[in-house]
Amino acid sequence: MCLAIPMVLIERDEFQGVAEIDGVRRQISVMYVPEAEVGDYVLVHAGFAITQVDADEAAKTLELLREYSDSMVEL
């Protein structure tokens, strides 16, 4: 199973960028999303931004991931 995480693009140059979520920052490749700009949400998988998502969709996805994570802690 593959999982991509919505993250905010906070820095970028032509091919590389930095994305952040919940204070965690990662260097990523932005080669697949040349139109992405700083402030946009991108789905990050294995160090690559693979597509852009709107802020509402990112928030919904992150909420579900947090709910799942919280339920696993309670086990």
C-alpha atoms as a PDB file:
ATOM      1  CA  MET A   1       0.000   0.000   0.000  1.00  0.00           C
ATOM      2  CA  CYS A   2       1.244   3.456  -0.876  1.00  0.00           C
ATOM      3  CA  LEU A   3       0.464   6.578   1.089  1.00  0.00           C
ATOM      4  CA  ALA A   4       0.959  10.196   0.093  1.00  0.00           C
ATOM      5  CA  ILE A   5       0.754  12.928   2.726  1.00  0.00           C
ATOM      6  CA  PRO A   6      -0.566  16.442   2.059  1.00  0.00           C
ATOM      7  CA  MET A   7       2.116  18.974   2.927  1.00  0.00           C
ATOM      8  CA  VAL A   8       2.528  22.722   2.423  1.00  0.00           C
ATOM      9  CA  LEU A   9       5.273  23.768   0.050  1.00  0.00           C
ATOM     10  CA  ILE A  10       7.280  26.361   1.975  1.00  0.00           C
ATOM     11  CA  GLU A  11      10.356  26.713  -0.249  1.00  0.00           C
ATOM     12  CA  ARG A  12      11.153  25.809  -3.821  1.00  0.00           C
ATOM     13  CA  ASP A  13      13.585  26.256  -6.634  1.00  0.00           C
ATOM     14  CA  GLU A  14      13.436  24.691 -10.075  1.00  0.00           C
ATOM     15  CA  PHE A  15      13.579  21.021  -9.038  1.00  0.00           C
ATOM     16  CA  GLN A  16      13.731  20.903  -5.224  1.00  0.00           C
ATOM     17  CA  GLY A  17      11.577  22.209  -2.433  1.00  0.00           C
ATOM     18  CA  VAL A  18      10.835  22.007   1.265  1.00  0.00           C
ATOM     19  CA  ALA A  19       7.424  20.876   2.452  1.00  0.00           C
ATOM     20  CA  GLU A  20       6.022  21.009   5.975  1.00  0.00           C
ATOM     21  CA  ILE A  21       3.217  19.538   8.008  1.00  0.00           C
ATOM     22  CA  ASP A  22       2.786  19.808  11.786  1.00  0.00           C
ATOM     23  CA  GLY A  23       6.250  21.315  12.179  1.00  0.00           C
ATOM     24  CA  VAL A  24       7.967  18.486  10.286  1.00  0.00           C
ATOM     25  CA  ARG A  25       9.927  19.644   7.247  1.00  0.00           C
ATOM     26  CA  ARG A  26      11.205  17.496   4.413  1.00  0.00           C
ATOM     27  CA  GLN A  27      13.283  18.187   1.328  1.00  0.00           C
ATOM     28  CA  ILE A  28      11.290  17.011  -1.674  1.00  0.00           C
ATOM     29  CA  SER A  29      11.504  16.900  -5.432  1.00  0.00           C
ATOM     30  CA  VAL A  30       9.006  19.147  -7.227  1.00  0.00           C
ATOM     31  CA  MET A  31       9.844  17.880 -10.717  1.00  0.00           C
ATOM     32  CA  TYR A  32       6.341  16.371 -11.147  1.00  0.00           C
ATOM     33  CA  VAL A  33       4.525  19.575 -10.130  1.00  0.00           C
ATOM     34  CA  PRO A  34       6.230  22.450 -11.961  1.00  0.00           C
ATOM     35  CA  GLU A  35       3.150  24.644 -11.430  1.00  0.00           C
ATOM     36  CA  ALA A  36       3.225  24.318  -7.604  1.00  0.00           C
ATOM     37  CA  GLU A  37       4.083  27.514  -5.764  1.00  0.00           C
ATOM     38  CA  VAL A  38       5.094  28.285  -2.201  1.00  0.00           C
ATOM     39  CA  GLY A  39       1.961  28.062  -0.044  1.00  0.00           C
ATOM     40  CA  ASP A  40       0.320  25.339  -2.144  1.00  0.00           C
ATOM     41  CA  TYR A  41      -0.538  21.927  -0.744  1.00  0.00           C
ATOM     42  CA  VAL A  42       1.106  19.005  -2.504  1.00  0.00           C
ATOM     43  CA  LEU A  43       0.805  15.261  -1.964  1.00  0.00           C
ATOM     44  CA  VAL A  44       4.214  13.913  -1.001  1.00  0.00           C
ATOM     45  CA  HIS A  45       5.176  10.284  -1.549  1.00  0.00           C
ATOM     46  CA  ALA A  46       8.686   8.882  -1.185  1.00  0.00           C
ATOM     47  CA  GLY A  47      10.262  12.337  -1.317  1.00  0.00           C
ATOM     48  CA  PHE A  48       8.361  13.494  -4.411  1.00  0.00           C
ATOM     49  CA  ALA A  49       5.493  15.945  -4.686  1.00  0.00           C
ATOM     50  CA  ILE A  50       3.243  13.962  -7.017  1.00  0.00           C
ATOM     51  CA  THR A  51       0.300  16.351  -7.399  1.00  0.00           C
ATOM     52  CA  GLN A  52      -1.295  19.473  -5.980  1.00  0.00           C
ATOM     53  CA  VAL A  53      -4.403  19.400  -3.782  1.00  0.00           C
ATOM     54  CA  ASP A  54      -6.603  22.225  -2.585  1.00  0.00           C
ATOM     55  CA  ALA A  55      -6.462  23.298   1.050  1.00  0.00           C
ATOM     56  CA  ASP A  56      -9.905  21.886   1.919  1.00  0.00           C
ATOM     57  CA  GLU A  57      -9.069  18.442   0.545  1.00  0.00           C
ATOM     58  CA  ALA A  58      -5.715  18.494   2.343  1.00  0.00           C
ATOM     59  CA  ALA A  59      -7.435  19.388   5.635  1.00  0.00           C
ATOM     60  CA  LYS A  60      -9.953  16.535   5.253  1.00  0.00           C
ATOM     61  CA  THR A  61      -7.217  14.025   4.483  1.00  0.00           C
ATOM     62  CA  LEU A  62      -5.050  15.164   7.395  1.00  0.00           C
ATOM     63  CA  GLU A  63      -8.038  14.975   9.759  1.00  0.00           C
ATOM     64  CA  LEU A  64      -8.678  11.362   8.723  1.00  0.00           C
ATOM     65  CA  LEU A  65      -5.009  10.450   9.103  1.00  0.00           C
ATOM     66  CA  ARG A  66      -4.930  12.004  12.587  1.00  0.00           C
ATOM     67  CA  GLU A  67      -8.105  10.149  13.607  1.00  0.00           C
ATOM     68  CA  TYR A  68      -6.594   6.879  12.438  1.00  0.00           C
ATOM     69  CA  SER A  69      -3.333   7.600  14.249  1.00  0.00           C
ATOM     70  CA  ASP A  70      -5.175   8.472  17.458  1.00  0.00           C
ATOM     71  CA  SER A  71      -7.216   5.257  17.271  1.00  0.00           C
ATOM     72  CA  MET A  72      -4.026   3.197  16.937  1.00  0.00           C
ATOM     73  CA  VAL A  73      -2.567   4.790  20.080  1.00  0.00           C
ATOM     74  CA  GLU A  74      -5.641   3.754  22.071  1.00  0.00           C
ATOM     75  CA  LEU A  75      -5.143   0.043  21.250  1.00  0.00           C
END
